[in-house]
Amino acid sequence: MVLLNITNIGKTIEVEPGKTLAEIADMIGLKLKYTILGGIVNNKVVDLSFRVFQPKLITFFDITHPEGMRVYTRSLRFLLYVAVKEVLPTAKLEIRHSVSNGVYCEVEKEDGTIELSETEIDKIRYKMRELTGASLPFVREDIEASKAEEKIDKDAGQVRLLEEHGELYTTVHTLLGHTVALYGGLVPHTGVVDVYDIMPYYRGMLLRVPKKDDPTQISDVIRQDKMFSVFMEFDEWLKTLRVESLTDLNDHIAHGDGNTIMQIAEALHEKKIAAIADLIKQREGVKFVMIAGPSSSGKTTFSKRLALQLMVNGMTPINLSTDDYFVNREDTPRDENGDYDFEAVEAIDIKFFNEQLSQLLNGEEVDVPKFDFKTGKRTFVGNKLKMKEGDVLVIEGTHALTPQLTYQIPRESKFGIYICPLASINLDNLTRLHTTDNRLIRRMVRDYATRGYSAKDTIARWPSVRRGEDKYIYPNQEYADVMFNTALCYELSALKPLAESILLEVGRNTPQYVEARRLLKLLSYFKTLKGDAVPPTSIIREFLGGSSFEY
């Protein structure tokens, strides 16, 4: 018999060797809030078909766990792929971007057209429902990587990347004769993924997924037209670079063209930043440039590069930090756990902040405060400020786009910018690189180098960071006048050596090992690009180190 420690019930049980996780869960009658989707065995994520032969520490999870949501949406992507192939056999599905609380997808037909009719989308939806109702199994198989080409559907765009990866075996899943590799486990059968929908969206369709806080319901669609236009612009950039997938990037690096790709990507960034500076110059009456974005977006470097372009346009940028307008520590709002909530907009003295901005707008001189983080008190050290003709305040912060923060300031005096690594290259036609993974790797590298935090520390803090972003940043992003995508298609190839070395320090016996292992696997598909070639003004230098800007 095999001893298993099941954390969900806080007990150790005995089972016969070779039992699957699904059989073990049934045997002990385990019920979670929602359907069990997989397990974490000795801090390694596995699907329910995993067989146990030795003593293990096991935690079962449902869709409320981050890994559970990944398993669910991964299965949902495969379901959509099969439905498309069944309805439009010669068409090719491409999973593009996360937007509007869903996943934007395009279907390229045999004649090269992309537009989908509502009738075609209805047929695809009907087929998905048919497959869901039939509860068909997702058949898992481990095959030799060298034989992947014989097994995997060509339209998935996966064969070359898997062959180049260097592993002897590849895991694939099959449904109705369609076989793909999805870089992780799936649910046992199609009947499990029953909360979803698809709808027309621009020239493609939006795959709607369950809500995080109530996975029995489909997420509400929130139109994000500005963000979508940034995605489309980035896609055009990738075509210019001839880097439309990770395989393309790896090919450029392998053939010695990586530095050229890097230089073009940086030039496109500079061109866009200059264009934003031109828009600010052209709009009469702008006195405040408000810059917001989630963690590790590169706000500081972007602000400094924008300031240079504003000076080229004859303007004088002046930095103003919202951090200096924090209320005194004892007046800081508290969260649901009773801890200080420094991310809340109420942590800023909004009334005083607006009073000073109004005075500056009226040509008056103000004494700008300095917040002492050691004492938790606002101080005044004689930092006088008076705006002259051509001056513009550059205000960067979490709440820069929150209307409440600058409620007294006329709309025409403000220019809002939302920045984030909004998009990047996809691994293949069915697997996109998540923006949050991109930012987490950036932050991990920076925290290790400048703050002394281990990868374990950064990973542990990340859920709290994400909750704050969901609450305070994302709801206000469409208030921006422009959005800037700080992603660079080559960046993970440049960050890879540093990121891998610190991820390898995460102990196997820690909860953070699960995430560290997932990120290591993601990075393993990227060829390395030497970071010393990254320009000193690049946004990536904020994380990689070696920037020519002072922070």
Protein backbone atom coordinates (compact mmCIF):
# COMPACT_ATOMS: atom_id res chain seq x y z
CA MET A 1 0.00 0.00 0.00
CA VAL A 2 1.04 3.61 -0.61
CA LEU A 3 0.74 6.37 2.01
CA LEU A 4 -0.75 9.63 0.72
CA ASN A 5 -1.06 12.88 2.66
CA ILE A 6 -4.21 14.62 1.33
CA THR A 7 -4.03 18.26 2.40
CA ASN A 8 -7.67 18.95 1.51
CA ILE A 9 -8.82 16.68 4.35
CA GLY A 10 -5.76 16.94 6.56
CA LYS A 11 -5.31 13.18 6.68
CA THR A 12 -2.95 10.45 5.51
CA ILE A 13 -4.57 7.53 3.69
CA GLU A 14 -3.45 4.22 2.24
CA VAL A 15 -4.17 3.22 -1.37
CA GLU A 16 -3.10 0.50 -3.73
CA PRO A 17 -0.20 1.46 -6.04
CA GLY A 18 -1.23 2.69 -9.49
CA LYS A 19 -4.42 4.49 -8.47
CA THR A 20 -5.20 7.67 -10.45
CA LEU A 21 -5.96 10.95 -8.73
CA ALA A 22 -9.52 10.71 -10.01
CA GLU A 23 -9.92 7.28 -8.39
CA ILE A 24 -8.40 8.52 -5.14
CA ALA A 25 -10.75 11.51 -4.97
CA ASP A 26 -13.74 9.21 -5.56
CA MET A 27 -12.48 6.70 -3.00
CA ILE A 28 -12.34 9.27 -0.19
CA GLY A 29 -15.50 11.03 -1.35
CA LEU A 30 -13.70 14.34 -1.71
CA LYS A 31 -15.90 17.28 -2.64
CA LEU A 32 -14.58 20.77 -3.32
CA LYS A 33 -16.76 23.82 -3.92
CA TYR A 34 -16.62 23.16 -7.67
CA THR A 35 -15.62 20.20 -9.84
CA ILE A 36 -12.15 18.82 -9.10
CA LEU A 37 -9.91 19.64 -12.08
CA GLY A 38 -6.48 18.36 -11.09
CA GLY A 39 -3.96 17.98 -8.33
CA ILE A 40 -0.65 19.26 -7.02
CA VAL A 41 1.54 16.26 -6.19
CA ASN A 42 4.75 17.06 -4.30
CA ASN A 43 4.37 20.65 -5.59
CA LYS A 44 4.03 19.52 -9.20
CA VAL A 45 0.79 20.15 -11.12
CA VAL A 46 -0.69 17.00 -12.67
CA ASP A 47 -4.02 16.04 -14.21
CA LEU A 48 -6.49 13.58 -12.75
CA SER A 49 -5.14 10.70 -14.83
CA PHE A 50 -1.83 10.80 -12.88
CA ARG A 51 -1.08 7.44 -11.22
CA VAL A 52 0.48 7.18 -7.76
CA PHE A 53 3.09 4.50 -7.00
CA GLN A 54 5.01 6.10 -4.10
CA PRO A 55 4.16 8.16 -0.98
CA LYS A 56 3.01 11.65 -1.99
CA LEU A 57 1.74 14.96 -0.67
CA ILE A 58 -1.42 15.73 -2.68
CA THR A 59 -3.63 18.81 -2.94
CA PHE A 60 -6.67 18.63 -5.19
CA PHE A 61 -7.90 21.86 -6.78
CA ASP A 62 -10.95 23.23 -8.56
CA ILE A 63 -11.46 26.25 -10.83
CA THR A 64 -11.00 28.73 -7.95
CA HIS A 65 -7.29 27.85 -7.80
CA PRO A 66 -5.05 29.62 -10.37
CA GLU A 67 -3.97 26.26 -11.75
CA GLY A 68 -7.61 25.19 -11.94
CA MET A 69 -8.51 28.20 -14.06
CA ARG A 70 -5.54 27.44 -16.34
CA VAL A 71 -6.65 23.83 -16.79
CA TYR A 72 -10.23 24.95 -17.49
CA THR A 73 -9.38 27.63 -20.05
CA ARG A 74 -6.76 25.40 -21.68
CA SER A 75 -9.43 22.74 -22.17
CA LEU A 76 -11.84 25.36 -23.44
CA ARG A 77 -9.34 26.49 -26.09
CA PHE A 78 -9.02 22.92 -27.32
CA LEU A 79 -12.81 22.55 -27.38
CA LEU A 80 -13.06 25.69 -29.52
CA TYR A 81 -10.29 24.46 -31.84
CA VAL A 82 -12.05 21.15 -32.47
CA ALA A 83 -15.41 22.88 -33.04
CA VAL A 84 -13.85 25.22 -35.61
CA LYS A 85 -12.18 22.32 -37.44
CA GLU A 86 -15.45 20.38 -37.47
CA VAL A 87 -17.45 23.34 -38.85
CA LEU A 88 -14.76 24.83 -41.13
CA PRO A 89 -12.34 21.95 -41.88
CA THR A 90 -9.93 23.99 -44.00
CA ALA A 91 -9.83 27.01 -41.67
CA LYS A 92 -7.13 27.80 -39.10
CA LEU A 93 -7.92 29.05 -35.59
CA GLU A 94 -5.54 31.52 -33.95
CA ILE A 95 -5.82 32.45 -30.28
CA ARG A 96 -4.76 36.10 -30.21
CA HIS A 97 -5.18 38.24 -27.07
CA SER A 98 -6.99 38.63 -23.73
CA VAL A 99 -9.41 41.53 -24.02
CA SER A 100 -12.88 42.54 -22.79
CA ASN A 101 -12.91 39.79 -20.13
CA GLY A 102 -12.43 37.13 -22.78
CA VAL A 103 -10.02 35.80 -25.36
CA TYR A 104 -10.01 37.27 -28.86
CA CYS A 105 -9.66 34.66 -31.59
CA GLU A 106 -9.40 34.82 -35.37
CA VAL A 107 -10.18 32.18 -37.96
CA GLU A 108 -8.24 32.31 -41.21
CA LYS A 109 -10.08 30.59 -44.04
CA GLU A 110 -8.55 28.73 -46.95
CA ASP A 111 -8.77 31.81 -49.22
CA GLY A 112 -6.89 33.92 -46.65
CA THR A 113 -9.92 35.88 -45.43
CA ILE A 114 -10.50 36.30 -41.70
CA GLU A 115 -14.01 37.74 -41.39
CA LEU A 116 -16.44 35.39 -39.64
CA SER A 117 -20.18 35.64 -40.23
CA GLU A 118 -22.65 35.42 -37.37
CA THR A 119 -24.00 32.25 -38.98
CA GLU A 120 -20.56 30.63 -38.87
CA ILE A 121 -20.11 31.64 -35.23
CA ASP A 122 -23.53 30.20 -34.41
CA LYS A 123 -22.52 26.90 -36.03
CA ILE A 124 -19.26 26.83 -34.05
CA ARG A 125 -21.14 27.55 -30.82
CA TYR A 126 -23.65 24.78 -31.58
CA LYS A 127 -20.82 22.32 -32.21
CA MET A 128 -19.14 23.30 -28.92
CA ARG A 129 -22.41 22.69 -27.06
CA GLU A 130 -22.80 19.36 -28.81
CA LEU A 131 -19.32 18.30 -27.72
CA THR A 132 -19.91 19.51 -24.18
CA GLY A 133 -23.17 17.60 -23.93
CA ALA A 134 -21.52 14.39 -25.12
CA SER A 135 -18.91 14.44 -22.31
CA LEU A 136 -16.24 13.09 -24.64
CA PRO A 137 -12.83 12.25 -23.10
CA PHE A 138 -9.74 14.33 -23.81
CA VAL A 139 -7.38 11.44 -24.59
CA ARG A 140 -3.87 12.03 -23.28
CA GLU A 141 -0.78 10.42 -24.82
CA ASP A 142 2.98 10.81 -24.39
CA ILE A 143 4.76 10.49 -27.73
CA GLU A 144 8.34 10.81 -28.93
CA ALA A 145 9.05 14.41 -29.91
CA SER A 146 10.55 13.17 -33.16
CA LYS A 147 7.16 11.72 -34.09
CA ALA A 148 5.18 14.86 -33.24
CA GLU A 149 4.88 15.85 -36.89
CA GLU A 150 3.03 12.61 -37.64
CA LYS A 151 0.57 13.11 -34.78
CA ILE A 152 -0.13 16.80 -34.22
CA ASP A 153 -2.49 18.81 -36.43
CA LYS A 154 -0.48 21.05 -38.75
CA ASP A 155 -2.88 23.98 -38.27
CA ALA A 156 -1.98 24.16 -34.57
CA GLY A 157 1.45 25.55 -35.57
CA GLN A 158 3.20 23.55 -32.84
CA VAL A 159 5.43 20.95 -34.45
CA ARG A 160 8.62 22.97 -35.01
CA LEU A 161 8.66 24.48 -31.53
CA LEU A 162 8.19 21.10 -29.90
CA GLU A 163 10.85 19.45 -32.05
CA GLU A 164 13.35 22.22 -31.26
CA HIS A 165 12.61 22.14 -27.54
CA GLY A 166 14.92 19.19 -26.94
CA GLU A 167 12.69 16.91 -24.87
CA LEU A 168 12.45 13.26 -25.82
CA TYR A 169 8.71 13.03 -25.24
CA THR A 170 5.79 15.40 -25.76
CA THR A 171 2.34 15.19 -24.19
CA VAL A 172 -0.55 15.53 -26.62
CA HIS A 173 -4.33 15.37 -26.30
CA THR A 174 -6.83 14.13 -28.86
CA LEU A 175 -10.54 14.84 -29.37
CA LEU A 176 -12.51 13.62 -32.40
CA GLY A 177 -9.28 12.76 -34.19
CA HIS A 178 -7.77 16.23 -33.67
CA THR A 179 -4.46 16.13 -31.79
CA VAL A 180 -2.61 19.10 -30.26
CA ALA A 181 -0.02 19.89 -27.58
CA LEU A 182 -1.19 22.42 -24.97
CA TYR A 183 1.76 22.59 -22.51
CA GLY A 184 -0.28 21.38 -19.54
CA GLY A 185 -3.07 19.16 -18.31
CA LEU A 186 -6.73 19.20 -19.35
CA VAL A 187 -9.97 18.30 -17.62
CA PRO A 188 -11.05 14.65 -17.97
CA HIS A 189 -13.85 15.21 -20.49
CA THR A 190 -15.68 17.89 -22.46
CA GLY A 191 -18.67 17.92 -20.12
CA VAL A 192 -16.61 19.64 -17.42
CA VAL A 193 -16.19 22.86 -19.45
CA ASP A 194 -19.79 23.98 -19.54
CA VAL A 195 -19.52 27.69 -18.66
CA TYR A 196 -18.51 29.65 -21.77
CA ASP A 197 -19.80 31.40 -24.86
CA ILE A 198 -18.52 32.87 -28.11
CA MET A 199 -19.67 36.04 -29.81
CA PRO A 200 -18.71 38.17 -32.82
CA TYR A 201 -15.89 40.60 -32.00
CA TYR A 202 -14.35 42.83 -34.66
CA ARG A 203 -13.30 40.54 -37.51
CA GLY A 204 -13.09 37.44 -35.29
CA MET A 205 -14.83 36.22 -32.18
CA LEU A 206 -14.54 36.56 -28.41
CA LEU A 207 -14.28 33.39 -26.35
CA ARG A 208 -16.02 34.22 -23.10
CA VAL A 209 -14.77 32.48 -19.96
CA PRO A 210 -16.02 32.01 -16.36
CA LYS A 211 -15.82 34.81 -13.81
CA LYS A 212 -12.98 34.51 -11.31
CA ASP A 213 -15.21 35.30 -8.32
CA ASP A 214 -18.17 33.20 -9.52
CA PRO A 215 -17.13 30.54 -12.04
CA THR A 216 -20.72 29.41 -12.48
CA GLN A 217 -21.29 32.59 -14.48
CA ILE A 218 -19.72 33.88 -17.71
CA SER A 219 -17.63 37.04 -17.40
CA ASP A 220 -19.36 40.22 -18.49
CA VAL A 221 -18.12 41.70 -21.75
CA ILE A 222 -16.50 45.10 -21.24
CA ARG A 223 -15.67 46.86 -24.50
CA GLN A 224 -12.02 47.85 -24.61
CA ASP A 225 -11.71 49.48 -28.00
CA LYS A 226 -8.53 51.42 -27.19
CA MET A 227 -6.81 48.32 -25.89
CA PHE A 228 -7.91 46.29 -28.89
CA SER A 229 -6.43 48.87 -31.25
CA VAL A 230 -3.12 48.53 -29.38
CA PHE A 231 -3.23 44.77 -29.90
CA MET A 232 -3.84 45.21 -33.60
CA GLU A 233 -1.02 47.74 -33.84
CA PHE A 234 1.33 45.31 -32.09
CA ASP A 235 0.36 42.57 -34.53
CA GLU A 236 1.35 44.87 -37.38
CA TRP A 237 4.66 45.57 -35.64
CA LEU A 238 5.31 41.83 -35.42
CA LYS A 239 4.65 41.48 -39.13
CA THR A 240 7.15 44.28 -39.76
CA LEU A 241 9.68 42.43 -37.64
CA ARG A 242 8.79 39.09 -39.27
CA VAL A 243 8.22 37.68 -35.79
CA GLU A 244 4.67 36.33 -35.63
CA SER A 245 5.38 33.38 -33.33
CA LEU A 246 8.03 32.18 -30.91
CA THR A 247 9.43 29.90 -33.61
CA ASP A 248 10.08 32.97 -35.79
CA LEU A 249 11.92 34.72 -32.94
CA ASN A 250 14.01 31.65 -32.18
CA ASP A 251 14.90 31.34 -35.87
CA HIS A 252 16.14 34.95 -35.98
CA ILE A 253 18.25 34.40 -32.87
CA ALA A 254 19.66 31.11 -34.18
CA HIS A 255 20.66 32.77 -37.46
CA GLY A 256 22.37 35.71 -35.74
CA ASP A 257 19.63 38.26 -36.47
CA GLY A 258 18.52 38.69 -32.84
CA ASN A 259 20.23 42.06 -32.41
CA THR A 260 18.57 43.41 -35.54
CA ILE A 261 15.15 42.37 -34.23
CA MET A 262 16.03 44.05 -30.95
CA GLN A 263 17.04 47.31 -32.64
CA ILE A 264 13.89 47.46 -34.77
CA ALA A 265 11.67 46.72 -31.77
CA GLU A 266 13.36 49.51 -29.79
CA ALA A 267 13.05 51.91 -32.72
CA LEU A 268 9.32 51.20 -32.93
CA HIS A 269 9.04 52.01 -29.22
CA GLU A 270 10.87 55.29 -29.66
CA LYS A 271 8.73 56.24 -32.64
CA LYS A 272 5.55 55.61 -30.64
CA ILE A 273 6.79 57.58 -27.62
CA ALA A 274 7.68 60.51 -29.88
CA ALA A 275 4.20 60.34 -31.42
CA ILE A 276 2.63 60.52 -27.94
CA ALA A 277 4.76 63.56 -27.11
CA ASP A 278 3.56 65.18 -30.34
CA LEU A 279 -0.08 64.58 -29.35
CA ILE A 280 0.53 66.24 -25.98
CA LYS A 281 2.17 69.23 -27.67
CA GLN A 282 -0.67 69.56 -30.17
CA ARG A 283 -3.42 69.57 -27.56
CA GLU A 284 -3.74 73.09 -26.21
CA GLY A 285 -4.07 73.55 -22.48
CA VAL A 286 -2.49 70.27 -21.32
CA LYS A 287 -0.71 70.87 -18.03
CA PHE A 288 -0.84 67.43 -16.44
CA VAL A 289 0.31 64.18 -18.06
CA MET A 290 -1.14 61.28 -16.06
CA ILE A 291 0.63 57.91 -16.45
CA ALA A 292 -0.81 54.70 -14.97
CA GLY A 293 -0.17 51.01 -15.41
CA PRO A 294 0.13 47.77 -13.44
CA SER A 295 3.27 46.55 -11.71
CA SER A 296 6.38 46.06 -13.85
CA SER A 297 4.98 47.89 -16.86
CA GLY A 298 8.07 50.08 -17.10
CA LYS A 299 6.34 53.29 -15.99
CA THR A 300 9.51 54.93 -14.68
CA THR A 301 11.57 54.41 -17.84
CA PHE A 302 8.62 55.33 -20.04
CA SER A 303 8.18 58.59 -18.09
CA LYS A 304 11.83 59.48 -18.56
CA ARG A 305 11.79 58.70 -22.28
CA LEU A 306 8.57 60.65 -22.72
CA ALA A 307 10.13 63.59 -20.85
CA LEU A 308 13.00 63.65 -23.37
CA GLN A 309 10.56 63.74 -26.28
CA LEU A 310 8.55 66.50 -24.59
CA MET A 311 11.75 68.54 -24.27
CA VAL A 312 12.43 67.97 -27.96
CA ASN A 313 9.03 69.59 -28.52
CA GLY A 314 10.03 72.63 -26.47
CA MET A 315 8.17 71.66 -23.31
CA THR A 316 9.55 71.40 -19.78
CA PRO A 317 8.40 68.24 -17.96
CA ILE A 318 8.33 68.27 -14.16
CA ASN A 319 7.85 65.05 -12.21
CA LEU A 320 5.31 64.97 -9.39
CA SER A 321 4.82 61.82 -7.29
CA THR A 322 1.44 60.93 -5.85
CA ASP A 323 3.33 59.02 -3.13
CA ASP A 324 4.21 62.34 -1.51
CA TYR A 325 0.50 63.02 -1.03
CA PHE A 326 -0.19 59.98 1.14
CA VAL A 327 -2.30 60.66 4.21
CA ASN A 328 -0.52 60.23 7.52
CA ARG A 329 -0.11 56.59 8.48
CA GLU A 330 -2.81 56.57 11.14
CA ASP A 331 -5.34 57.88 8.60
CA THR A 332 -4.56 55.19 6.00
CA PRO A 333 -7.59 53.02 5.14
CA ARG A 334 -7.48 49.36 6.06
CA ASP A 335 -8.36 46.30 3.99
CA GLU A 336 -10.66 43.43 4.87
CA ASN A 337 -7.89 41.87 7.00
CA GLY A 338 -7.35 45.03 9.02
CA ASP A 339 -4.01 45.79 7.35
CA TYR A 340 -3.12 49.19 5.90
CA ASP A 341 -4.32 49.38 2.30
CA PHE A 342 -1.69 51.56 0.66
CA GLU A 343 -3.09 50.73 -2.78
CA ALA A 344 -6.50 52.32 -2.10
CA VAL A 345 -7.09 55.73 -3.69
CA GLU A 346 -8.19 56.95 -0.24
CA ALA A 347 -4.59 56.41 0.95
CA ILE A 348 -3.88 59.66 -0.91
CA ASP A 349 -5.00 63.03 0.46
CA ILE A 350 -7.20 63.68 -2.57
CA LYS A 351 -8.56 67.01 -1.36
CA PHE A 352 -5.09 68.48 -0.69
CA PHE A 353 -3.71 67.02 -3.94
CA ASN A 354 -6.47 68.72 -5.95
CA GLU A 355 -5.99 71.99 -4.09
CA GLN A 356 -2.31 72.10 -5.05
CA LEU A 357 -2.96 71.07 -8.67
CA SER A 358 -5.62 73.80 -8.96
CA GLN A 359 -3.20 76.37 -7.54
CA LEU A 360 -0.51 75.31 -10.00
CA LEU A 361 -3.01 75.51 -12.85
CA ASN A 362 -3.82 79.07 -11.79
CA GLY A 363 -0.15 80.08 -11.86
CA GLU A 364 0.30 80.07 -8.10
CA GLU A 365 3.32 78.78 -6.18
CA VAL A 366 2.89 75.74 -3.92
CA ASP A 367 5.02 74.04 -1.32
CA VAL A 368 5.19 70.44 -2.55
CA PRO A 369 5.18 67.93 0.33
CA LYS A 370 7.61 65.09 0.90
CA PHE A 371 6.27 61.94 2.51
CA ASP A 372 8.53 60.36 5.13
CA PHE A 373 7.94 56.62 4.85
CA LYS A 374 9.87 55.92 8.05
CA THR A 375 7.68 58.09 10.26
CA GLY A 376 4.54 57.77 8.14
CA LYS A 377 4.12 61.53 8.11
CA ARG A 378 3.90 64.19 5.42
CA THR A 379 6.64 66.82 5.70
CA PHE A 380 7.46 70.10 3.98
CA VAL A 381 11.09 70.81 3.16
CA GLY A 382 10.77 73.99 1.12
CA ASN A 383 10.25 72.33 -2.26
CA LYS A 384 8.55 75.26 -3.99
CA LEU A 385 6.92 74.79 -7.38
CA LYS A 386 5.36 77.26 -9.78
CA MET A 387 4.48 76.36 -13.34
CA LYS A 388 5.70 78.56 -16.18
CA GLU A 389 4.72 78.69 -19.82
CA GLY A 390 5.65 75.39 -21.46
CA ASP A 391 5.82 73.49 -18.17
CA VAL A 392 3.93 70.22 -17.89
CA LEU A 393 3.60 68.06 -14.79
CA VAL A 394 4.26 64.35 -15.37
CA ILE A 395 2.33 62.42 -12.72
CA GLU A 396 2.93 58.69 -12.53
CA GLY A 397 1.09 56.35 -10.21
CA THR A 398 -1.40 53.58 -9.60
CA HIS A 399 -4.36 55.98 -9.56
CA ALA A 400 -3.19 58.46 -12.16
CA LEU A 401 -6.18 57.65 -14.40
CA THR A 402 -8.73 57.38 -11.59
CA PRO A 403 -11.18 60.29 -12.09
CA GLN A 404 -11.55 60.69 -8.32
CA LEU A 405 -7.86 61.51 -7.93
CA THR A 406 -8.07 64.73 -9.98
CA TYR A 407 -11.77 65.53 -9.67
CA GLN A 408 -11.20 69.33 -9.55
CA ILE A 409 -9.00 69.48 -12.65
CA PRO A 410 -10.67 70.25 -16.00
CA ARG A 411 -10.56 67.37 -18.46
CA GLU A 412 -8.84 69.51 -21.10
CA SER A 413 -5.90 70.13 -18.74
CA LYS A 414 -5.15 66.40 -18.42
CA PHE A 415 -3.63 63.91 -20.84
CA GLY A 416 -3.95 60.29 -19.71
CA ILE A 417 -1.59 57.48 -20.71
CA TYR A 418 -2.06 53.82 -19.82
CA ILE A 419 1.00 51.63 -20.24
CA CYS A 420 1.44 47.89 -19.89
CA PRO A 421 3.14 45.03 -21.74
CA LEU A 422 -0.25 44.40 -23.32
CA ALA A 423 0.77 41.81 -25.86
CA SER A 424 3.65 39.68 -26.91
CA ILE A 425 4.38 36.86 -29.29
CA ASN A 426 2.39 33.66 -28.98
CA LEU A 427 4.00 30.28 -28.49
CA ASP A 428 1.88 28.87 -31.32
CA ASN A 429 -1.58 29.28 -32.86
CA LEU A 430 -3.36 27.97 -29.78
CA THR A 431 -1.15 29.17 -26.92
CA ARG A 432 -0.62 32.82 -26.07
CA LEU A 433 1.94 34.31 -23.73
CA HIS A 434 0.07 35.86 -20.81
CA THR A 435 0.77 39.51 -20.00
CA THR A 436 0.82 38.68 -16.29
CA ASP A 437 3.60 36.11 -16.81
CA ASN A 438 5.61 38.69 -18.73
CA ARG A 439 5.26 41.20 -15.89
CA LEU A 440 5.96 38.65 -13.17
CA ILE A 441 9.25 37.65 -14.80
CA ARG A 442 10.22 41.32 -15.17
CA ARG A 443 9.44 42.03 -11.52
CA MET A 444 11.20 38.92 -10.29
CA VAL A 445 14.45 39.87 -12.04
CA ARG A 446 14.26 43.47 -10.80
CA ASP A 447 13.33 42.55 -7.22
CA TYR A 448 16.23 40.13 -7.00
CA ALA A 449 18.77 42.66 -8.25
CA THR A 450 17.58 45.86 -6.56
CA ARG A 451 15.52 44.86 -3.52
CA GLY A 452 17.15 41.64 -2.40
CA TYR A 453 13.96 39.61 -2.82
CA SER A 454 14.19 36.00 -3.90
CA ALA A 455 11.99 34.58 -6.66
CA LYS A 456 10.07 32.82 -3.88
CA ASP A 457 9.35 36.19 -2.22
CA THR A 458 8.16 37.81 -5.45
CA ILE A 459 5.95 34.86 -6.38
CA ALA A 460 4.42 34.86 -2.89
CA ARG A 461 3.57 38.58 -3.13
CA TRP A 462 2.22 38.40 -6.69
CA PRO A 463 -1.41 37.41 -5.89
CA SER A 464 -1.76 40.46 -3.63
CA VAL A 465 -0.30 42.69 -6.36
CA ARG A 466 -2.75 41.25 -8.89
CA ARG A 467 -5.74 41.84 -6.59
CA GLY A 468 -4.78 45.49 -6.24
CA GLU A 469 -4.47 45.86 -10.01
CA ASP A 470 -7.87 44.26 -10.61
CA LYS A 471 -9.43 46.63 -8.11
CA TYR A 472 -7.67 49.93 -8.76
CA ILE A 473 -5.98 49.95 -12.19
CA TYR A 474 -7.80 47.91 -14.82
CA PRO A 475 -11.26 49.51 -14.29
CA ASN A 476 -9.81 52.92 -15.24
CA GLN A 477 -7.61 52.03 -18.21
CA GLU A 478 -10.11 53.14 -20.86
CA TYR A 479 -9.99 56.69 -19.40
CA ALA A 480 -6.58 57.02 -21.06
CA ASP A 481 -6.18 59.23 -24.12
CA VAL A 482 -3.59 56.81 -25.45
CA MET A 483 -2.26 53.39 -24.53
CA PHE A 484 1.34 52.33 -24.91
CA ASN A 485 2.35 48.70 -25.15
CA THR A 486 5.69 48.32 -23.36
CA ALA A 487 6.14 44.71 -24.48
CA LEU A 488 9.17 43.91 -26.60
CA CYS A 489 9.02 40.70 -28.60
CA TYR A 490 12.59 39.78 -27.67
CA GLU A 491 12.49 40.57 -23.95
CA LEU A 492 12.01 37.09 -22.46
CA SER A 493 14.94 35.85 -24.53
CA ALA A 494 17.06 38.59 -22.94
CA LEU A 495 15.68 38.13 -19.42
CA LYS A 496 15.87 34.33 -19.61
CA PRO A 497 19.41 33.74 -18.18
CA LEU A 498 18.76 35.86 -15.08
CA ALA A 499 15.19 34.66 -14.59
CA GLU A 500 16.14 30.98 -14.86
CA SER A 501 18.99 31.28 -12.38
CA ILE A 502 16.82 32.83 -9.66
CA LEU A 503 13.85 30.54 -10.34
CA LEU A 504 16.11 27.54 -9.84
CA GLU A 505 16.71 28.76 -6.27
CA VAL A 506 13.07 28.13 -5.31
CA GLY A 507 13.00 25.04 -3.12
CA ARG A 508 10.99 22.00 -4.16
CA ASN A 509 9.41 21.86 -0.71
CA THR A 510 7.85 25.35 -0.95
CA PRO A 511 4.38 26.25 -2.29
CA GLN A 512 6.01 28.70 -4.72
CA TYR A 513 7.78 25.83 -6.49
CA VAL A 514 4.63 25.15 -8.51
CA GLU A 515 4.75 28.60 -10.09
CA ALA A 516 8.54 28.58 -10.41
CA ARG A 517 8.40 25.29 -12.29
CA ARG A 518 5.71 26.59 -14.64
CA LEU A 519 7.72 29.72 -15.45
CA LEU A 520 10.89 27.69 -16.00
CA LYS A 521 9.04 25.53 -18.48
CA LEU A 522 7.76 28.63 -20.29
CA LEU A 523 11.26 30.13 -20.52
CA SER A 524 12.70 26.83 -21.77
CA TYR A 525 11.01 27.39 -25.15
CA PHE A 526 12.89 30.68 -25.71
CA LYS A 527 16.37 30.81 -27.19
CA THR A 528 18.72 33.06 -25.23
CA LEU A 529 19.57 36.53 -26.51
CA LYS A 530 22.55 38.21 -24.84
CA GLY A 531 21.34 41.06 -22.66
CA ASP A 532 24.46 43.20 -23.11
CA ALA A 533 23.17 44.24 -26.54
CA VAL A 534 19.98 45.77 -25.07
CA PRO A 535 20.14 49.59 -25.50
CA PRO A 536 20.76 51.50 -22.22
CA THR A 537 17.51 53.47 -22.67
CA SER A 538 15.34 50.36 -23.20
CA ILE A 539 12.38 49.78 -20.92
CA ILE A 540 13.83 46.32 -20.29
CA ARG A 541 16.87 47.95 -18.68
CA GLU A 542 14.58 48.96 -15.79
CA PHE A 543 14.50 45.25 -14.93
CA LEU A 544 17.65 43.88 -16.51
CA GLY A 545 19.87 46.62 -15.03
CA GLY A 546 22.40 48.81 -16.80
CA SER A 547 20.02 51.65 -17.68
CA SER A 548 21.44 55.05 -18.59
CA PHE A 549 18.58 56.65 -16.63
CA GLU A 550 18.80 57.32 -12.91
CA TYR A 551 16.01 55.79 -10.84
